[in-house]
């Protein structure tokens, strides 16, 4: 059996969770609770390009927000 996430011919969607983390998900599967489809369905390379363009900071949103509220370190 071929893994849909690794098969270049699979139709995928890009999903995002509440922390802004992105993942690829097979189009034929229900989106997991806590995740929202934001792109696709599309081929794997298109979905990977979307993730590369839109998930540029790997830190979870909660960490980014807490770091923005801290005073700068001198």
C-alpha atoms as a PDB file:
ATOM      1  CA  UNK A   1       0.000   0.000   0.000  1.00  0.00           C
ATOM      2  CA  UNK A   2       1.317   3.443  -0.947  1.00  0.00           C
ATOM      3  CA  UNK A   3       1.463   6.181   1.684  1.00  0.00           C
ATOM      4  CA  UNK A   4      -0.755   8.995   0.341  1.00  0.00           C
ATOM      5  CA  UNK A   5       1.478  11.633   1.956  1.00  0.00           C
ATOM      6  CA  UNK A   6       4.526  10.423   0.021  1.00  0.00           C
ATOM      7  CA  UNK A   7       2.853   9.597  -3.307  1.00  0.00           C
ATOM      8  CA  UNK A   8       3.416  12.458  -5.797  1.00  0.00           C
ATOM      9  CA  UNK A   9       0.111  11.566  -7.476  1.00  0.00           C
ATOM     10  CA  UNK A  10      -2.024  11.868  -4.321  1.00  0.00           C
ATOM     11  CA  UNK A  11      -4.482  14.683  -3.805  1.00  0.00           C
ATOM     12  CA  UNK A  12      -3.733  16.451  -0.533  1.00  0.00           C
ATOM     13  CA  UNK A  13      -4.914  19.404   1.487  1.00  0.00           C
ATOM     14  CA  UNK A  14      -2.894  21.679   3.747  1.00  0.00           C
ATOM     15  CA  UNK A  15      -4.298  21.840   7.261  1.00  0.00           C
ATOM     16  CA  UNK A  16      -3.465  24.300  10.060  1.00  0.00           C
ATOM     17  CA  UNK A  17      -4.053  23.957  13.798  1.00  0.00           C
ATOM     18  CA  UNK A  18      -4.693  26.621  16.423  1.00  0.00           C
ATOM     19  CA  UNK A  19      -0.956  27.093  16.974  1.00  0.00           C
ATOM     20  CA  UNK A  20      -0.417  27.944  13.294  1.00  0.00           C
ATOM     21  CA  UNK A  21       1.343  24.657  12.564  1.00  0.00           C
ATOM     22  CA  UNK A  22       0.819  23.315   9.036  1.00  0.00           C
ATOM     23  CA  UNK A  23       0.550  19.727   7.826  1.00  0.00           C
ATOM     24  CA  UNK A  24      -0.307  17.801   4.674  1.00  0.00           C
ATOM     25  CA  UNK A  25      -3.413  15.640   4.860  1.00  0.00           C
ATOM     26  CA  UNK A  26      -4.908  13.168   2.367  1.00  0.00           C
ATOM     27  CA  UNK A  27      -7.926  14.673   0.598  1.00  0.00           C
ATOM     28  CA  UNK A  28      -9.921  11.455   0.995  1.00  0.00           C
ATOM     29  CA  UNK A  29      -9.668  11.549   4.802  1.00  0.00           C
ATOM     30  CA  UNK A  30     -11.684  13.737   7.161  1.00  0.00           C
ATOM     31  CA  UNK A  31      -9.739  16.684   8.563  1.00  0.00           C
ATOM     32  CA  UNK A  32      -8.841  15.935  12.205  1.00  0.00           C
ATOM     33  CA  UNK A  33     -10.544  17.801  15.031  1.00  0.00           C
ATOM     34  CA  UNK A  34      -8.587  20.953  15.858  1.00  0.00           C
ATOM     35  CA  UNK A  35      -7.289  21.393  12.303  1.00  0.00           C
ATOM     36  CA  UNK A  36      -8.683  23.489   9.427  1.00  0.00           C
ATOM     37  CA  UNK A  37      -8.119  22.935   5.709  1.00  0.00           C
ATOM     38  CA  UNK A  38      -6.568  26.091   4.211  1.00  0.00           C
ATOM     39  CA  UNK A  39      -5.361  24.934   0.780  1.00  0.00           C
ATOM     40  CA  UNK A  40      -6.185  22.285  -1.765  1.00  0.00           C
ATOM     41  CA  UNK A  41      -7.011  19.705  -2.722  1.00  0.00           C
ATOM     42  CA  UNK A  42      -3.920  19.765  -4.883  1.00  0.00           C
ATOM     43  CA  UNK A  43      -0.932  17.630  -5.774  1.00  0.00           C
ATOM     44  CA  UNK A  44       1.851  17.146  -3.225  1.00  0.00           C
ATOM     45  CA  UNK A  45       4.306  19.619  -4.763  1.00  0.00           C
ATOM     46  CA  UNK A  46       1.697  22.399  -4.829  1.00  0.00           C
ATOM     47  CA  UNK A  47       0.792  21.749  -1.196  1.00  0.00           C
ATOM     48  CA  UNK A  48       4.450  21.708  -0.135  1.00  0.00           C
ATOM     49  CA  UNK A  49       5.000  25.023  -1.965  1.00  0.00           C
ATOM     50  CA  UNK A  50       2.031  26.498  -0.086  1.00  0.00           C
ATOM     51  CA  UNK A  51       3.444  25.375   3.260  1.00  0.00           C
ATOM     52  CA  UNK A  52       6.902  26.743   2.368  1.00  0.00           C
ATOM     53  CA  UNK A  53       5.378  30.128   1.487  1.00  0.00           C
ATOM     54  CA  UNK A  54       2.986  30.433   4.436  1.00  0.00           C
ATOM     55  CA  UNK A  55       4.649  28.679   7.404  1.00  0.00           C
ATOM     56  CA  UNK A  56       7.840  30.668   7.670  1.00  0.00           C
ATOM     57  CA  UNK A  57       8.111  30.712  11.473  1.00  0.00           C
ATOM     58  CA  UNK A  58       8.065  27.247  13.028  1.00  0.00           C
ATOM     59  CA  UNK A  59       7.413  28.521  16.539  1.00  0.00           C
ATOM     60  CA  UNK A  60       3.863  27.886  17.809  1.00  0.00           C
ATOM     61  CA  UNK A  61       1.690  31.016  17.931  1.00  0.00           C
ATOM     62  CA  UNK A  62       1.518  30.907  21.737  1.00  0.00           C
ATOM     63  CA  UNK A  63       5.323  31.043  21.954  1.00  0.00           C
ATOM     64  CA  UNK A  64       5.567  33.894  19.439  1.00  0.00           C
ATOM     65  CA  UNK A  65       2.948  35.916  21.321  1.00  0.00           C
ATOM     66  CA  UNK A  66       4.613  35.350  24.697  1.00  0.00           C
ATOM     67  CA  UNK A  67       7.999  36.372  23.279  1.00  0.00           C
ATOM     68  CA  UNK A  68       6.532  39.575  21.811  1.00  0.00           C
ATOM     69  CA  UNK A  69       5.215  40.602  25.245  1.00  0.00           C
ATOM     70  CA  UNK A  70       8.600  40.217  26.927  1.00  0.00           C
ATOM     71  CA  UNK A  71      10.887  43.230  27.248  1.00  0.00           C
ATOM     72  CA  UNK A  72      13.997  43.061  25.050  1.00  0.00           C
ATOM     73  CA  UNK A  73      17.084  41.474  26.585  1.00  0.00           C
ATOM     74  CA  UNK A  74      20.020  43.853  26.931  1.00  0.00           C
END
